[in-house]
Amino acid sequence: MKNIEGEVLLEMQFCATGEARVLRMVRGLGAGLDETAAAAARGIRFRPATRDGGAVDFDAIVHIVFQLAN
């Protein structure tokens, strides 16, 4: 087991339809953690952003932190 801690940064699009899409990996950690972070990020539940009363897509950078438990 590798004792890796750190942060994965993902550029994401939170869609008006309620879907969370990973657009690209901004910074990864490797060792399978990037894929784990992307899978977790796609499962984020959110309320779509609105503009003029209608739902719109919204892009954001998401930080997924991996920290070893004590």
Protein backbone atom coordinates (compact mmCIF):
# COMPACT_ATOMS: atom_id res chain seq x y z
CA MET A 1 0.00 0.00 0.00
CA LYS A 2 1.31 3.41 -0.95
CA ASN A 3 0.96 6.14 1.63
CA ILE A 4 0.00 8.97 -0.70
CA GLU A 5 -1.66 12.15 0.42
CA GLY A 6 -2.48 15.19 -1.63
CA GLU A 7 -5.00 16.92 -3.79
CA VAL A 8 -6.42 16.14 -7.22
CA LEU A 9 -7.73 19.14 -9.15
CA LEU A 10 -10.43 18.56 -11.76
CA GLU A 11 -11.98 21.03 -14.16
CA MET A 12 -15.67 20.18 -14.14
CA GLN A 13 -18.88 21.23 -15.78
CA PHE A 14 -22.02 21.17 -13.68
CA CYS A 15 -24.74 20.88 -16.31
CA ALA A 16 -28.21 22.36 -16.34
CA THR A 17 -29.47 18.78 -16.67
CA GLY A 18 -28.01 17.84 -13.27
CA GLU A 19 -25.04 15.90 -14.68
CA ALA A 20 -21.50 16.51 -13.37
CA ARG A 21 -18.85 16.07 -16.10
CA VAL A 22 -15.09 15.94 -15.69
CA LEU A 23 -13.63 18.11 -18.46
CA ARG A 24 -9.95 17.60 -17.65
CA MET A 25 -7.46 16.74 -14.95
CA VAL A 26 -5.71 19.93 -13.84
CA ARG A 27 -3.38 18.20 -11.38
CA GLY A 28 -3.25 14.54 -10.43
CA LEU A 29 -1.51 12.26 -7.94
CA GLY A 30 -1.27 9.01 -9.91
CA ALA A 31 -1.42 5.57 -8.25
CA GLY A 32 -5.10 5.21 -9.23
CA LEU A 33 -6.17 8.21 -7.17
CA ASP A 34 -6.92 10.34 -10.24
CA GLU A 35 -9.50 7.83 -11.46
CA THR A 36 -10.97 7.52 -7.97
CA ALA A 37 -11.27 11.30 -7.69
CA ALA A 38 -12.92 11.57 -11.12
CA ALA A 39 -15.45 8.86 -10.24
CA ALA A 40 -16.28 10.59 -6.95
CA ALA A 41 -16.62 13.96 -8.67
CA ARG A 42 -19.03 12.59 -11.27
CA GLY A 43 -21.26 11.53 -8.36
CA ILE A 44 -21.51 15.03 -6.86
CA ARG A 45 -25.12 16.05 -6.28
CA PHE A 46 -25.92 19.70 -6.86
CA ARG A 47 -28.65 22.14 -7.76
CA PRO A 48 -27.95 23.62 -11.22
CA ALA A 49 -26.94 27.26 -11.46
CA THR A 50 -29.61 29.59 -12.78
CA ARG A 51 -29.61 32.68 -14.93
CA ASP A 52 -32.73 34.68 -15.72
CA GLY A 53 -34.83 31.98 -14.07
CA GLY A 54 -33.49 29.08 -16.15
CA ALA A 55 -30.92 26.39 -15.39
CA VAL A 56 -27.48 26.88 -16.99
CA ASP A 57 -24.20 24.99 -17.22
CA PHE A 58 -21.44 26.12 -14.83
CA ASP A 59 -17.72 25.30 -14.99
CA ALA A 60 -15.60 25.05 -11.84
CA ILE A 61 -12.34 23.63 -10.48
CA VAL A 62 -13.01 20.90 -7.92
CA HIS A 63 -10.45 19.91 -5.28
CA ILE A 64 -10.52 16.28 -4.09
CA VAL A 65 -8.27 15.80 -1.06
CA PHE A 66 -6.75 12.44 -0.13
CA GLN A 67 -5.59 12.30 3.49
CA LEU A 68 -4.44 9.28 5.45
CA ALA A 69 -6.48 8.48 8.55
CA ASN A 70 -4.72 8.49 11.92
